[in-house]
Amino acid sequence: DTLRLDHVGIRVTDLAIAEDFYAKLGFTR
């Protein structure tokens, strides 16, 4: 049985820029 989705991998070019964008959506490292 698959219990739930663990995560989604998203390829990005610049970690700092991407991390800042996703932080606006409420995500933290």
Full PDB file with SEQRES, HELIX, SHEET, SSBOND, CRYST1, ORIGX, SCALE, CONECT and MASTER records, all heavy atoms in Angstrom:
SEQRES   1 A   29  ASP THR LEU ARG LEU ASP HIS VAL GLY ILE ARG VAL THR          
SEQRES   2 A   29  ASP LEU ALA ILE ALA GLU ASP PHE TYR ALA LYS LEU GLY          
SEQRES   3 A   29  PHE THR ARG                                                  
HELIX    1 AA1 LEU A   15  LYS A   24  1                                  10    
CRYST1    1.000    1.000    1.000  90.00  90.00  90.00 P 1           1          
ORIGX1      1.000000  0.000000  0.000000        0.00000                         
ORIGX2      0.000000  1.000000  0.000000        0.00000                         
ORIGX3      0.000000  0.000000  1.000000        0.00000                         
SCALE1      1.000000  0.000000  0.000000        0.00000                         
SCALE2      0.000000  1.000000  0.000000        0.00000                         
SCALE3      0.000000  0.000000  1.000000        0.00000                         
ATOM      1  N   ASP A   1       0.840  -1.196   0.000  1.00  0.00           N  
ATOM      2  CA  ASP A   1       0.000   0.000   0.000  1.00  0.00           C  
ATOM      3  C   ASP A   1       0.873   1.244   0.000  1.00  0.00           C  
ATOM      4  O   ASP A   1       1.820   1.342   0.780  1.00  0.00           O  
ATOM      5  CB  ASP A   1      -0.902   0.025   1.244  1.00  0.00           C  
ATOM      6  CG  ASP A   1      -1.973  -1.047   1.186  1.00  0.00           C  
ATOM      7  OD1 ASP A   1      -2.417  -1.361   0.064  1.00  0.00           O  
ATOM      8  OD2 ASP A   1      -2.343  -1.574   2.240  1.00  0.00           O  
ATOM      9  N   THR A   2       0.558   2.166  -0.875  1.00  0.00           N  
ATOM     10  CA  THR A   2       1.205   3.471  -0.850  1.00  0.00           C  
ATOM     11  C   THR A   2       0.469   4.311   0.181  1.00  0.00           C  
ATOM     12  O   THR A   2      -0.750   4.483   0.096  1.00  0.00           O  
ATOM     13  CB  THR A   2       1.151   4.131  -2.236  1.00  0.00           C  
ATOM     14  OG1 THR A   2       1.818   3.279  -3.164  1.00  0.00           O  
ATOM     15  CG2 THR A   2       1.800   5.493  -2.215  1.00  0.00           C  
ATOM     16  N   LEU A   3       1.202   4.819   1.150  1.00  0.00           N  
ATOM     17  CA  LEU A   3       0.569   5.508   2.265  1.00  0.00           C  
ATOM     18  C   LEU A   3       0.299   6.982   1.987  1.00  0.00           C  
ATOM     19  O   LEU A   3      -0.745   7.505   2.318  1.00  0.00           O  
ATOM     20  CB  LEU A   3       1.431   5.361   3.517  1.00  0.00           C  
ATOM     21  CG  LEU A   3       1.705   3.911   3.923  1.00  0.00           C  
ATOM     22  CD1 LEU A   3       2.644   3.876   5.118  1.00  0.00           C  
ATOM     23  CD2 LEU A   3       0.409   3.189   4.229  1.00  0.00           C  
ATOM     24  N   ARG A   4       1.278   7.662   1.395  1.00  0.00           N  
ATOM     25  CA  ARG A   4       1.103   9.078   1.063  1.00  0.00           C  
ATOM     26  C   ARG A   4       2.304   9.525   0.237  1.00  0.00           C  
ATOM     27  O   ARG A   4       3.305   8.835   0.166  1.00  0.00           O  
ATOM     28  CB  ARG A   4       0.939   9.940   2.303  1.00  0.00           C  
ATOM     29  CG  ARG A   4       2.148   9.975   3.198  1.00  0.00           C  
ATOM     30  CD  ARG A   4       1.866  10.815   4.448  1.00  0.00           C  
ATOM     31  NE  ARG A   4       3.072  11.084   5.177  1.00  0.00           N  
ATOM     32  CZ  ARG A   4       3.550  10.327   6.153  1.00  0.00           C  
ATOM     33  NH1 ARG A   4       2.900   9.235   6.520  1.00  0.00           N  
ATOM     34  NH2 ARG A   4       4.659  10.643   6.771  1.00  0.00           N  
ATOM     35  N   LEU A   5       2.195  10.677  -0.359  1.00  0.00           N  
ATOM     36  CA  LEU A   5       3.290  11.250  -1.128  1.00  0.00           C  
ATOM     37  C   LEU A   5       4.313  11.835  -0.163  1.00  0.00           C  
ATOM     38  O   LEU A   5       3.963  12.578   0.760  1.00  0.00           O  
ATOM     39  CB  LEU A   5       2.758  12.336  -2.062  1.00  0.00           C  
ATOM     40  CG  LEU A   5       3.767  13.029  -2.967  1.00  0.00           C  
ATOM     41  CD1 LEU A   5       4.314  12.051  -3.999  1.00  0.00           C  
ATOM     42  CD2 LEU A   5       3.120  14.211  -3.658  1.00  0.00           C  
ATOM     43  N   ASP A   6       5.589  11.518  -0.353  1.00  0.00           N  
ATOM     44  CA  ASP A   6       6.631  12.024   0.537  1.00  0.00           C  
ATOM     45  C   ASP A   6       7.052  13.440   0.155  1.00  0.00           C  
ATOM     46  O   ASP A   6       7.074  14.333   0.986  1.00  0.00           O  
ATOM     47  CB  ASP A   6       7.846  11.091   0.516  1.00  0.00           C  
ATOM     48  CG  ASP A   6       8.937  11.558   1.455  1.00  0.00           C  
ATOM     49  OD1 ASP A   6       8.667  11.623   2.677  1.00  0.00           O  
ATOM     50  OD2 ASP A   6      10.034  11.890   0.975  1.00  0.00           O  
ATOM     51  N   HIS A   7       7.426  13.648  -1.100  1.00  0.00           N  
ATOM     52  CA  HIS A   7       7.833  14.974  -1.548  1.00  0.00           C  
ATOM     53  C   HIS A   7       7.797  15.031  -3.068  1.00  0.00           C  
ATOM     54  O   HIS A   7       7.683  14.018  -3.733  1.00  0.00           O  
ATOM     55  CB  HIS A   7       9.241  15.335  -1.045  1.00  0.00           C  
ATOM     56  CG  HIS A   7      10.329  14.504  -1.641  1.00  0.00           C  
ATOM     57  ND1 HIS A   7      10.739  13.312  -1.083  1.00  0.00           N  
ATOM     58  CD2 HIS A   7      11.085  14.670  -2.745  1.00  0.00           C  
ATOM     59  CE1 HIS A   7      11.710  12.792  -1.816  1.00  0.00           C  
ATOM     60  NE2 HIS A   7      11.938  13.600  -2.849  1.00  0.00           N  
ATOM     61  N   VAL A   8       7.909  16.238  -3.582  1.00  0.00           N  
ATOM     62  CA  VAL A   8       8.024  16.479  -5.014  1.00  0.00           C  
ATOM     63  C   VAL A   8       9.393  17.116  -5.240  1.00  0.00           C  
ATOM     64  O   VAL A   8       9.766  18.052  -4.529  1.00  0.00           O  
ATOM     65  CB  VAL A   8       6.911  17.425  -5.520  1.00  0.00           C  
ATOM     66  CG1 VAL A   8       7.128  17.803  -6.972  1.00  0.00           C  
ATOM     67  CG2 VAL A   8       5.546  16.805  -5.322  1.00  0.00           C  
ATOM     68  N   GLY A   9      10.156  16.593  -6.194  1.00  0.00           N  
ATOM     69  CA  GLY A   9      11.445  17.172  -6.553  1.00  0.00           C  
ATOM     70  C   GLY A   9      11.261  18.199  -7.660  1.00  0.00           C  
ATOM     71  O   GLY A   9      10.595  17.925  -8.649  1.00  0.00           O  
ATOM     72  N   ILE A  10      11.863  19.377  -7.466  1.00  0.00           N  
ATOM     73  CA  ILE A  10      11.730  20.470  -8.422  1.00  0.00           C  
ATOM     74  C   ILE A  10      13.135  20.936  -8.798  1.00  0.00           C  
ATOM     75  O   ILE A  10      13.885  21.408  -7.941  1.00  0.00           O  
ATOM     76  CB  ILE A  10      10.907  21.633  -7.827  1.00  0.00           C  
ATOM     77  CG1 ILE A  10       9.517  21.134  -7.397  1.00  0.00           C  
ATOM     78  CG2 ILE A  10      10.802  22.779  -8.823  1.00  0.00           C  
ATOM     79  CD1 ILE A  10       8.699  22.152  -6.623  1.00  0.00           C  
ATOM     80  N   ARG A  11      13.490  20.798 -10.067  1.00  0.00           N  
ATOM     81  CA  ARG A  11      14.817  21.221 -10.525  1.00  0.00           C  
ATOM     82  C   ARG A  11      14.844  22.741 -10.690  1.00  0.00           C  
ATOM     83  O   ARG A  11      13.949  23.327 -11.297  1.00  0.00           O  
ATOM     84  CB  ARG A  11      15.180  20.538 -11.834  1.00  0.00           C  
ATOM     85  CG  ARG A  11      16.569  20.949 -12.327  1.00  0.00           C  
ATOM     86  CD  ARG A  11      17.138  20.006 -13.367  1.00  0.00           C  
ATOM     87  NE  ARG A  11      17.645  18.824 -12.676  1.00  0.00           N  
ATOM     88  CZ  ARG A  11      17.222  17.573 -12.915  1.00  0.00           C  
ATOM     89  NH1 ARG A  11      16.317  17.346 -13.833  1.00  0.00           N  
ATOM     90  NH2 ARG A  11      17.720  16.563 -12.260  1.00  0.00           N  
ATOM     91  N   VAL A  12      15.886  23.364 -10.126  1.00  0.00           N  
ATOM     92  CA  VAL A  12      16.042  24.814 -10.177  1.00  0.00           C  
ATOM     93  C   VAL A  12      17.477  25.163 -10.575  1.00  0.00           C  
ATOM     94  O   VAL A  12      18.371  24.316 -10.503  1.00  0.00           O  
ATOM     95  CB  VAL A  12      15.679  25.476  -8.822  1.00  0.00           C  
ATOM     96  CG1 VAL A  12      14.229  25.189  -8.453  1.00  0.00           C  
ATOM     97  CG2 VAL A  12      16.616  25.024  -7.702  1.00  0.00           C  
ATOM     98  N   THR A  13      17.681  26.407 -10.982  1.00  0.00           N  
ATOM     99  CA  THR A  13      19.014  26.838 -11.393  1.00  0.00           C  
ATOM    100  C   THR A  13      19.781  27.522 -10.274  1.00  0.00           C  
ATOM    101  O   THR A  13      21.004  27.459 -10.229  1.00  0.00           O  
ATOM    102  CB  THR A  13      18.943  27.796 -12.599  1.00  0.00           C  
ATOM    103  OG1 THR A  13      18.109  28.903 -12.254  1.00  0.00           O  
ATOM    104  CG2 THR A  13      18.389  27.096 -13.824  1.00  0.00           C  
ATOM    105  N   ASP A  14      19.095  28.210  -9.376  1.00  0.00           N  
ATOM    106  CA  ASP A  14      19.749  28.960  -8.313  1.00  0.00           C  
ATOM    107  C   ASP A  14      19.041  28.674  -6.996  1.00  0.00           C  
ATOM    108  O   ASP A  14      17.882  29.062  -6.815  1.00  0.00           O  
ATOM    109  CB  ASP A  14      19.711  30.457  -8.643  1.00  0.00           C  
ATOM    110  CG  ASP A  14      20.478  31.307  -7.660  1.00  0.00           C  
ATOM    111  OD1 ASP A  14      20.127  31.313  -6.458  1.00  0.00           O  
ATOM    112  OD2 ASP A  14      21.428  31.977  -8.102  1.00  0.00           O  
ATOM    113  N   LEU A  15      19.748  28.014  -6.077  1.00  0.00           N  
ATOM    114  CA  LEU A  15      19.116  27.602  -4.819  1.00  0.00           C  
ATOM    115  C   LEU A  15      18.608  28.797  -4.022  1.00  0.00           C  
ATOM    116  O   LEU A  15      17.485  28.766  -3.519  1.00  0.00           O  
ATOM    117  CB  LEU A  15      20.095  26.774  -3.981  1.00  0.00           C  
ATOM    118  CG  LEU A  15      19.570  26.340  -2.604  1.00  0.00           C  
ATOM    119  CD1 LEU A  15      18.297  25.511  -2.735  1.00  0.00           C  
ATOM    120  CD2 LEU A  15      20.641  25.593  -1.835  1.00  0.00           C  
ATOM    121  N   ALA A  16      19.388  29.848  -3.897  1.00  0.00           N  
ATOM    122  CA  ALA A  16      18.978  30.994  -3.081  1.00  0.00           C  
ATOM    123  C   ALA A  16      17.702  31.641  -3.615  1.00  0.00           C  
ATOM    124  O   ALA A  16      16.791  31.968  -2.848  1.00  0.00           O  
ATOM    125  CB  ALA A  16      20.110  32.015  -2.999  1.00  0.00           C  
ATOM    126  N   ILE A  17      17.641  31.833  -4.917  1.00  0.00           N  
ATOM    127  CA  ILE A  17      16.445  32.450  -5.521  1.00  0.00           C  
ATOM    128  C   ILE A  17      15.233  31.545  -5.339  1.00  0.00           C  
ATOM    129  O   ILE A  17      14.152  31.993  -4.954  1.00  0.00           O  
ATOM    130  CB  ILE A  17      16.692  32.752  -7.013  1.00  0.00           C  
ATOM    131  CG1 ILE A  17      17.708  33.888  -7.146  1.00  0.00           C  
ATOM    132  CG2 ILE A  17      15.385  33.111  -7.725  1.00  0.00           C  
ATOM    133  CD1 ILE A  17      18.188  34.133  -8.566  1.00  0.00           C  
ATOM    134  N   ALA A  18      15.398  30.246  -5.597  1.00  0.00           N  
ATOM    135  CA  ALA A  18      14.287  29.306  -5.457  1.00  0.00           C  
ATOM    136  C   ALA A  18      13.842  29.197  -3.996  1.00  0.00           C  
ATOM    137  O   ALA A  18      12.645  29.192  -3.701  1.00  0.00           O  
ATOM    138  CB  ALA A  18      14.688  27.935  -5.994  1.00  0.00           C  
ATOM    139  N   GLU A  19      14.801  29.113  -3.090  1.00  0.00           N  
ATOM    140  CA  GLU A  19      14.459  28.985  -1.675  1.00  0.00           C  
ATOM    141  C   GLU A  19      13.695  30.216  -1.192  1.00  0.00           C  
ATOM    142  O   GLU A  19      12.737  30.099  -0.426  1.00  0.00           O  
ATOM    143  CB  GLU A  19      15.733  28.779  -0.864  1.00  0.00           C  
ATOM    144  CG  GLU A  19      15.497  28.173   0.484  1.00  0.00           C  
ATOM    145  CD  GLU A  19      16.772  27.728   1.181  1.00  0.00           C  
ATOM    146  OE1 GLU A  19      17.881  27.866   0.624  1.00  0.00           O  
ATOM    147  OE2 GLU A  19      16.635  27.232   2.306  1.00  0.00           O  
ATOM    148  N   ASP A  20      14.082  31.396  -1.667  1.00  0.00           N  
ATOM    149  CA  ASP A  20      13.373  32.622  -1.314  1.00  0.00           C  
ATOM    150  C   ASP A  20      11.930  32.594  -1.834  1.00  0.00           C  
ATOM    151  O   ASP A  20      10.994  32.961  -1.131  1.00  0.00           O  
ATOM    152  CB  ASP A  20      14.122  33.840  -1.868  1.00  0.00           C  
ATOM    153  CG  ASP A  20      13.441  35.147  -1.506  1.00  0.00           C  
ATOM    154  OD1 ASP A  20      13.287  35.420  -0.297  1.00  0.00           O  
ATOM    155  OD2 ASP A  20      13.056  35.901  -2.427  1.00  0.00           O  
ATOM    156  N   PHE A  21      11.754  32.146  -3.081  1.00  0.00           N  
ATOM    157  CA  PHE A  21      10.417  32.063  -3.665  1.00  0.00           C  
ATOM    158  C   PHE A  21       9.536  31.101  -2.862  1.00  0.00           C  
ATOM    159  O   PHE A  21       8.406  31.436  -2.495  1.00  0.00           O  
ATOM    160  CB  PHE A  21      10.494  31.605  -5.120  1.00  0.00           C  
ATOM    161  CG  PHE A  21       9.154  31.390  -5.756  1.00  0.00           C  
ATOM    162  CD1 PHE A  21       8.444  32.442  -6.298  1.00  0.00           C  
ATOM    163  CD2 PHE A  21       8.590  30.114  -5.805  1.00  0.00           C  
ATOM    164  CE1 PHE A  21       7.198  32.244  -6.883  1.00  0.00           C  
ATOM    165  CE2 PHE A  21       7.349  29.911  -6.377  1.00  0.00           C  
ATOM    166  CZ  PHE A  21       6.648  30.975  -6.919  1.00  0.00           C  
ATOM    167  N   TYR A  22      10.037  29.905  -2.587  1.00  0.00           N  
ATOM    168  CA  TYR A  22       9.234  28.910  -1.878  1.00  0.00           C  
ATOM    169  C   TYR A  22       9.018  29.289  -0.414  1.00  0.00           C  
ATOM    170  O   TYR A  22       8.012  28.891   0.185  1.00  0.00           O  
ATOM    171  CB  TYR A  22       9.827  27.509  -2.053  1.00  0.00           C  
ATOM    172  CG  TYR A  22       9.547  26.987  -3.447  1.00  0.00           C  
ATOM    173  CD1 TYR A  22      10.473  27.125  -4.470  1.00  0.00           C  
ATOM    174  CD2 TYR A  22       8.318  26.415  -3.752  1.00  0.00           C  
ATOM    175  CE1 TYR A  22      10.194  26.691  -5.761  1.00  0.00           C  
ATOM    176  CE2 TYR A  22       8.024  25.978  -5.031  1.00  0.00           C  
ATOM    177  CZ  TYR A  22       8.974  26.117  -6.031  1.00  0.00           C  
ATOM    178  OH  TYR A  22       8.672  25.694  -7.306  1.00  0.00           O  
ATOM    179  N   ALA A  23       9.913  30.102   0.155  1.00  0.00           N  
ATOM    180  CA  ALA A  23       9.701  30.622   1.511  1.00  0.00           C  
ATOM    181  C   ALA A  23       8.456  31.510   1.533  1.00  0.00           C  
ATOM    182  O   ALA A  23       7.707  31.514   2.515  1.00  0.00           O  
ATOM    183  CB  ALA A  23      10.923  31.396   1.987  1.00  0.00           C  
ATOM    184  N   LYS A  24       8.214  32.250   0.446  1.00  0.00           N  
ATOM    185  CA  LYS A  24       7.005  33.072   0.363  1.00  0.00           C  
ATOM    186  C   LYS A  24       5.750  32.209   0.421  1.00  0.00           C  
ATOM    187  O   LYS A  24       4.699  32.667   0.861  1.00  0.00           O  
ATOM    188  CB  LYS A  24       7.004  33.898  -0.921  1.00  0.00           C  
ATOM    189  CG  LYS A  24       8.029  34.993  -0.940  1.00  0.00           C  
ATOM    190  CD  LYS A  24       7.996  35.735  -2.267  1.00  0.00           C  
ATOM    191  CE  LYS A  24       9.054  36.807  -2.324  1.00  0.00           C  
ATOM    192  NZ  LYS A  24       9.051  37.511  -3.614  1.00  0.00           N  
ATOM    193  N   LEU A  25       5.866  30.959  -0.034  1.00  0.00           N  
ATOM    194  CA  LEU A  25       4.731  30.033   0.003  1.00  0.00           C  
ATOM    195  C   LEU A  25       4.658  29.283   1.333  1.00  0.00           C  
ATOM    196  O   LEU A  25       3.807  28.429   1.513  1.00  0.00           O  
ATOM    197  CB  LEU A  25       4.831  29.030  -1.147  1.00  0.00           C  
ATOM    198  CG  LEU A  25       4.764  29.624  -2.558  1.00  0.00           C  
ATOM    199  CD1 LEU A  25       5.004  28.538  -3.597  1.00  0.00           C  
ATOM    200  CD2 LEU A  25       3.433  30.316  -2.801  1.00  0.00           C  
ATOM    201  N   GLY A  26       5.569  29.599   2.252  1.00  0.00           N  
ATOM    202  CA  GLY A  26       5.532  29.013   3.588  1.00  0.00           C  
ATOM    203  C   GLY A  26       6.510  27.876   3.823  1.00  0.00           C  
ATOM    204  O   GLY A  26       6.518  27.284   4.897  1.00  0.00           O  
ATOM    205  N   PHE A  27       7.349  27.544   2.841  1.00  0.00           N  
ATOM    206  CA  PHE A  27       8.301  26.448   2.983  1.00  0.00           C  
ATOM    207  C   PHE A  27       9.598  26.939   3.623  1.00  0.00           C  
ATOM    208  O   PHE A  27      10.077  28.030   3.301  1.00  0.00           O  
ATOM    209  CB  PHE A  27       8.627  25.823   1.624  1.00  0.00           C  
ATOM    210  CG  PHE A  27       7.506  25.019   1.040  1.00  0.00           C  
ATOM    211  CD1 PHE A  27       6.546  25.626   0.243  1.00  0.00           C  
ATOM    212  CD2 PHE A  27       7.406  23.659   1.283  1.00  0.00           C  
ATOM    213  CE1 PHE A  27       5.506  24.886  -0.307  1.00  0.00           C  
ATOM    214  CE2 PHE A  27       6.372  22.916   0.741  1.00  0.00           C  
ATOM    215  CZ  PHE A  27       5.421  23.525  -0.053  1.00  0.00           C  
ATOM    216  N   THR A  28      10.163  26.143   4.521  1.00  0.00           N  
ATOM    217  CA  THR A  28      11.448  26.448   5.139  1.00  0.00           C  
ATOM    218  C   THR A  28      12.385  25.261   4.960  1.00  0.00           C  
ATOM    219  O   THR A  28      11.948  24.118   4.804  1.00  0.00           O  
ATOM    220  CB  THR A  28      11.298  26.746   6.645  1.00  0.00           C  
ATOM    221  OG1 THR A  28      10.694  25.621   7.281  1.00  0.00           O  
ATOM    222  CG2 THR A  28      10.461  27.989   6.877  1.00  0.00           C  
ATOM    223  N   ARG A  29      13.673  25.553   5.010  1.00  0.00           N  
ATOM    224  CA  ARG A  29      14.687  24.509   4.818  1.00  0.00           C  
ATOM    225  C   ARG A  29      14.646  23.512   5.979  1.00  0.00           C  
ATOM    226  O   ARG A  29      14.574  23.897   7.136  1.00  0.00           O  
ATOM    227  CB  ARG A  29      16.070  25.122   4.728  1.00  0.00           C  
ATOM    228  CG  ARG A  29      17.147  24.076   4.451  1.00  0.00           C  
ATOM    229  CD  ARG A  29      18.526  24.641   4.427  1.00  0.00           C  
ATOM    230  NE  ARG A  29      18.730  25.445   3.219  1.00  0.00           N  
ATOM    231  CZ  ARG A  29      19.924  25.791   2.772  1.00  0.00           C  
ATOM    232  NH1 ARG A  29      21.008  25.430   3.426  1.00  0.00           N  
ATOM    233  NH2 ARG A  29      20.034  26.523   1.679  1.00  0.00           N  
TER     234      ARG A  29                                                      
MASTER        0    0    0    1    0    0    0    6  233    1    0    3          
END                                                                             
